[in-house]
N, C-alpha and C. Protein backbone atom coordinates (compact mmCIF):
# COMPACT_ATOMS: atom_id res chain seq x y z
N MET A 1 -9.55 8.64 -2.01
CA MET A 1 -9.29 7.30 -2.53
C MET A 1 -7.85 7.24 -3.16
N SER A 2 -7.46 8.32 -3.86
CA SER A 2 -6.13 8.31 -4.49
C SER A 2 -5.06 8.08 -3.53
N THR A 3 -5.16 8.66 -2.28
CA THR A 3 -4.14 8.42 -1.27
C THR A 3 -4.07 6.99 -0.87
N GLY A 4 -5.25 6.31 -0.71
CA GLY A 4 -5.27 4.90 -0.32
C GLY A 4 -4.64 4.12 -1.42
N LYS A 5 -4.95 4.37 -2.66
CA LYS A 5 -4.39 3.68 -3.76
C LYS A 5 -2.87 3.82 -3.80
N LYS A 6 -2.36 5.03 -3.52
CA LYS A 6 -0.91 5.28 -3.53
C LYS A 6 -0.31 4.37 -2.47
N VAL A 7 -0.93 4.36 -1.24
CA VAL A 7 -0.34 3.52 -0.17
C VAL A 7 -0.31 2.06 -0.59
N THR A 8 -1.42 1.62 -1.19
CA THR A 8 -1.52 0.19 -1.63
C THR A 8 -0.48 -0.10 -2.65
N LEU A 9 -0.32 0.83 -3.64
CA LEU A 9 0.74 0.58 -4.69
C LEU A 9 2.11 0.54 -4.04
N SER A 10 2.31 1.44 -3.04
CA SER A 10 3.66 1.45 -2.38
C SER A 10 3.94 0.05 -1.74
N ILE A 11 2.88 -0.46 -1.05
CA ILE A 11 3.03 -1.74 -0.39
C ILE A 11 3.23 -2.82 -1.46
N ILE A 12 2.55 -2.81 -2.56
CA ILE A 12 2.69 -3.82 -3.59
C ILE A 12 4.06 -3.69 -4.18
N LYS A 13 4.62 -2.49 -4.46
CA LYS A 13 5.94 -2.32 -4.98
C LYS A 13 6.97 -2.82 -4.03
N ALA A 14 6.73 -2.60 -2.75
CA ALA A 14 7.73 -3.15 -1.69
C ALA A 14 7.70 -4.69 -1.77
N ASP A 15 6.51 -5.29 -1.88
CA ASP A 15 6.48 -6.79 -1.91
C ASP A 15 7.11 -7.20 -3.23
N VAL A 16 6.81 -6.57 -4.33
CA VAL A 16 7.40 -7.05 -5.57
C VAL A 16 8.94 -6.92 -5.54
N GLY A 17 9.42 -5.82 -4.95
CA GLY A 17 10.78 -5.60 -4.82
C GLY A 17 11.46 -6.68 -4.00
N GLY A 18 10.81 -7.15 -2.87
CA GLY A 18 11.30 -8.12 -2.04
C GLY A 18 11.38 -9.47 -2.78
N LEU A 19 10.29 -9.76 -3.57
CA LEU A 19 10.28 -10.99 -4.31
C LEU A 19 11.34 -11.01 -5.42
N ALA A 20 11.56 -9.83 -6.03
CA ALA A 20 12.52 -9.71 -7.10
C ALA A 20 13.94 -9.97 -6.41
N GLY A 21 14.18 -9.39 -5.38
CA GLY A 21 15.47 -9.57 -4.67
C GLY A 21 15.65 -11.05 -4.28
N HIS A 22 14.63 -11.69 -3.86
CA HIS A 22 14.66 -13.16 -3.56
C HIS A 22 14.99 -13.90 -4.76
N HIS A 23 14.35 -13.57 -5.88
CA HIS A 23 14.53 -14.30 -7.16
C HIS A 23 15.96 -14.12 -7.63
N VAL A 24 16.57 -12.92 -7.36
CA VAL A 24 17.94 -12.69 -7.78
C VAL A 24 18.82 -13.64 -6.98
N VAL A 25 18.49 -13.86 -5.74
CA VAL A 25 19.33 -14.80 -4.90
C VAL A 25 19.01 -16.20 -5.38
N HIS A 26 17.82 -16.48 -5.76
CA HIS A 26 17.44 -17.95 -6.17
C HIS A 26 16.80 -17.84 -7.56
N PRO A 27 17.61 -17.58 -8.62
CA PRO A 27 17.05 -17.49 -9.98
C PRO A 27 16.31 -18.66 -10.41
N ASP A 28 16.56 -19.81 -9.91
CA ASP A 28 15.86 -21.04 -10.32
C ASP A 28 14.41 -21.08 -9.92
N LEU A 29 13.99 -20.13 -9.06
CA LEU A 29 12.60 -20.07 -8.63
C LEU A 29 11.79 -19.18 -9.60
N ILE A 30 12.46 -18.50 -10.55
CA ILE A 30 11.73 -17.55 -11.43
C ILE A 30 10.87 -18.42 -12.38
């Protein structure tokens, strides 16, 4: 289970990172 959770967290972190980068480009969307 721990391995699956790590993979899920990695995917979530990647998504959050992408959203953060998008917000940096468009700060008005924050």
